Amino acid sequence: MSTQIKNQYMLIFRGTDWHQGLSPEEIQTVLTQWMAWFKGLTEQGNAIAGNPLDRAGKIVSGKNGRVVADGPFAESKEAIAGYFILTVSTLDDAVAIAKECPGLPYGSKVEVRPIAEACPLAAEAAAESQFTVQKSAANMSLEPAV
């Protein structure tokens, strides 16, 4: 069970090699299209945040975060290049906006995800805990009195 922050969605842009094979002028044209797209979404009140992500970073893993490695190591076509946060009425509206992404013709992919209000696992654990408490109480009431 997941509760979504009302009408907020994240567009996650995948693919950091979209510019391969383009001239500097073509790259600049696509970047200008991206900026105009984001500006238009912001002016319409649909985009509330967005940024490209640097290619460099760190991966933290292991118990207590003991392992820190250079990364990310995803293939360039799957690496996360940036994100937008949208406020729109429905998932379908967010998908319609994603379909307008200027990077799509160049191999970029856009993942569209609802933003959750809280960790879905926390809600599931709380529900399971409540069920266990109720089940225990029910079992105790069925035991014969001594």
Protein backbone atom coordinates (compact mmCIF):
# COMPACT_ATOMS: atom_id res chain seq x y z
CA MET A 1 0.00 0.00 0.00
CA SER A 2 1.53 3.30 -1.07
CA THR A 3 0.28 6.77 -0.41
CA GLN A 4 1.26 9.30 -3.01
CA ILE A 5 1.94 12.96 -2.40
CA LYS A 6 -1.07 14.56 -4.07
CA ASN A 7 -0.43 15.06 -7.77
CA GLN A 8 3.38 14.89 -7.67
CA TYR A 9 5.38 12.82 -10.11
CA MET A 10 9.07 12.50 -10.89
CA LEU A 11 10.40 12.24 -14.41
CA ILE A 12 13.72 10.41 -14.31
CA PHE A 13 15.78 10.93 -17.44
CA ARG A 14 17.94 7.96 -18.41
CA GLY A 15 20.75 7.97 -20.93
CA THR A 16 23.89 10.07 -20.86
CA ASP A 17 25.07 9.33 -24.39
CA TRP A 18 22.20 10.92 -26.36
CA HIS A 19 24.58 13.43 -27.92
CA GLN A 20 26.82 10.83 -29.57
CA GLY A 21 27.14 11.52 -33.29
CA LEU A 22 25.69 15.04 -33.11
CA SER A 23 27.59 18.15 -34.09
CA PRO A 24 28.19 20.85 -31.47
CA GLU A 25 25.47 22.93 -33.14
CA GLU A 26 22.98 20.04 -32.99
CA ILE A 27 23.83 19.44 -29.33
CA GLN A 28 23.24 23.12 -28.57
CA THR A 29 19.90 22.99 -30.41
CA VAL A 30 18.73 20.01 -28.33
CA LEU A 31 19.92 21.64 -25.09
CA THR A 32 18.02 24.80 -26.01
CA GLN A 33 14.92 22.68 -26.61
CA TRP A 34 15.32 21.07 -23.17
CA MET A 35 15.62 24.46 -21.48
CA ALA A 36 12.58 25.82 -23.34
CA TRP A 37 10.58 22.70 -22.45
CA PHE A 38 11.42 23.02 -18.75
CA LYS A 39 10.77 26.77 -18.75
CA GLY A 40 7.36 26.22 -20.36
CA LEU A 41 6.44 23.53 -17.83
CA THR A 42 7.53 25.80 -15.00
CA GLU A 43 5.54 28.77 -16.33
CA GLN A 44 2.46 26.52 -16.63
CA GLY A 45 2.93 25.46 -13.00
CA ASN A 46 3.53 21.82 -13.99
CA ALA A 47 7.25 21.60 -13.11
CA ILE A 48 8.32 22.59 -9.61
CA ALA A 49 11.94 21.39 -9.72
CA GLY A 50 14.44 19.80 -12.05
CA ASN A 51 18.15 19.42 -12.54
CA PRO A 52 20.68 17.53 -14.58
CA LEU A 53 22.95 15.21 -12.60
CA ASP A 54 26.72 15.16 -12.83
CA ARG A 55 28.20 11.99 -14.28
CA ALA A 56 30.54 11.52 -11.30
CA GLY A 57 29.35 10.34 -7.91
CA LYS A 58 29.82 7.79 -5.18
CA ILE A 59 28.09 4.54 -4.35
CA VAL A 60 27.67 3.88 -0.63
CA SER A 61 26.85 0.31 0.43
CA GLY A 62 27.55 -2.32 3.04
CA LYS A 63 26.65 -2.45 6.70
CA ASN A 64 26.85 1.05 8.19
CA GLY A 65 27.91 2.43 4.79
CA ARG A 66 31.41 1.06 5.10
CA VAL A 67 31.89 0.62 1.37
CA VAL A 68 32.25 3.79 -0.67
CA ALA A 69 33.14 3.39 -4.34
CA ASP A 70 33.31 5.63 -7.36
CA GLY A 71 30.17 5.42 -9.44
CA PRO A 72 27.57 5.19 -10.79
CA PHE A 73 28.50 2.26 -12.99
CA ALA A 74 25.29 1.82 -14.96
CA GLU A 75 25.65 1.64 -18.73
CA SER A 76 25.43 5.13 -20.19
CA LYS A 77 22.07 4.31 -21.79
CA GLU A 78 20.64 3.48 -18.33
CA ALA A 79 22.49 6.06 -16.21
CA ILE A 80 20.29 8.70 -14.63
CA ALA A 81 21.00 12.01 -16.33
CA GLY A 82 18.54 14.22 -14.43
CA TYR A 83 15.01 14.66 -13.16
CA PHE A 84 11.96 16.91 -13.07
CA ILE A 85 9.36 17.02 -10.33
CA LEU A 86 5.90 17.68 -11.71
CA THR A 87 2.62 18.71 -10.16
CA VAL A 88 -0.12 17.48 -12.48
CA SER A 89 -3.53 15.88 -12.01
CA THR A 90 -2.83 12.29 -13.04
CA LEU A 91 -0.15 9.79 -14.00
CA ASP A 92 -1.48 10.01 -17.57
CA ASP A 93 -0.81 13.77 -17.54
CA ALA A 94 2.76 13.12 -16.36
CA VAL A 95 3.23 10.51 -19.10
CA ALA A 96 1.93 12.97 -21.71
CA ILE A 97 4.54 15.48 -20.57
CA ALA A 98 7.26 12.80 -20.65
CA LYS A 99 6.34 12.04 -24.27
CA GLU A 100 7.35 15.63 -25.13
CA CYS A 101 10.93 15.10 -23.91
CA PRO A 102 13.38 16.56 -26.45
CA GLY A 103 15.85 13.75 -25.74
CA LEU A 104 13.57 10.90 -26.84
CA PRO A 105 14.51 11.09 -30.54
CA TYR A 106 18.16 10.73 -29.48
CA GLY A 107 17.81 7.62 -27.32
CA SER A 108 16.96 9.10 -23.93
CA LYS A 109 14.33 7.32 -21.84
CA VAL A 110 11.96 8.88 -19.33
CA GLU A 111 10.76 6.96 -16.29
CA VAL A 112 7.58 8.40 -14.75
CA ARG A 113 7.00 7.69 -11.06
CA PRO A 114 4.47 8.94 -8.50
CA ILE A 115 6.17 10.51 -5.48
CA ALA A 116 5.20 8.66 -2.32
CA GLU A 117 4.23 10.51 0.84
CA ALA A 118 6.08 7.97 2.96
CA CYS A 119 8.16 4.87 2.44
CA PRO A 120 5.80 2.19 1.07
CA LEU A 121 7.61 -0.48 3.12
CA ALA A 122 6.95 1.46 6.34
CA ALA A 123 3.22 1.51 5.60
CA GLU A 124 3.24 -2.22 4.81
CA ALA A 125 5.20 -3.00 8.00
CA ALA A 126 2.79 -0.92 10.10
CA ALA A 127 -0.22 -2.68 8.58
CA GLU A 128 1.37 -6.10 9.14
CA SER A 129 2.22 -5.17 12.73
CA GLN A 130 -1.35 -4.01 13.36
CA PHE A 131 -2.67 -7.28 11.87
CA THR A 132 -0.36 -9.31 14.12
CA VAL A 133 -1.50 -7.39 17.22
CA GLN A 134 -5.16 -7.89 16.29
CA LYS A 135 -4.62 -11.60 15.58
CA SER A 136 -2.85 -12.07 18.93
CA ALA A 137 -5.66 -10.27 20.76
CA ALA A 138 -8.25 -12.43 18.99
CA ASN A 139 -6.37 -15.62 19.88
CA MET A 140 -6.08 -14.56 23.52
CA SER A 141 -9.83 -13.97 23.73
CA LEU A 142 -10.47 -17.51 22.45
CA GLU A 143 -8.33 -19.19 25.13
CA PRO A 144 -10.35 -20.77 27.96
CA ALA A 145 -10.15 -19.09 31.33
CA VAL A 146 -8.42 -21.08 34.06
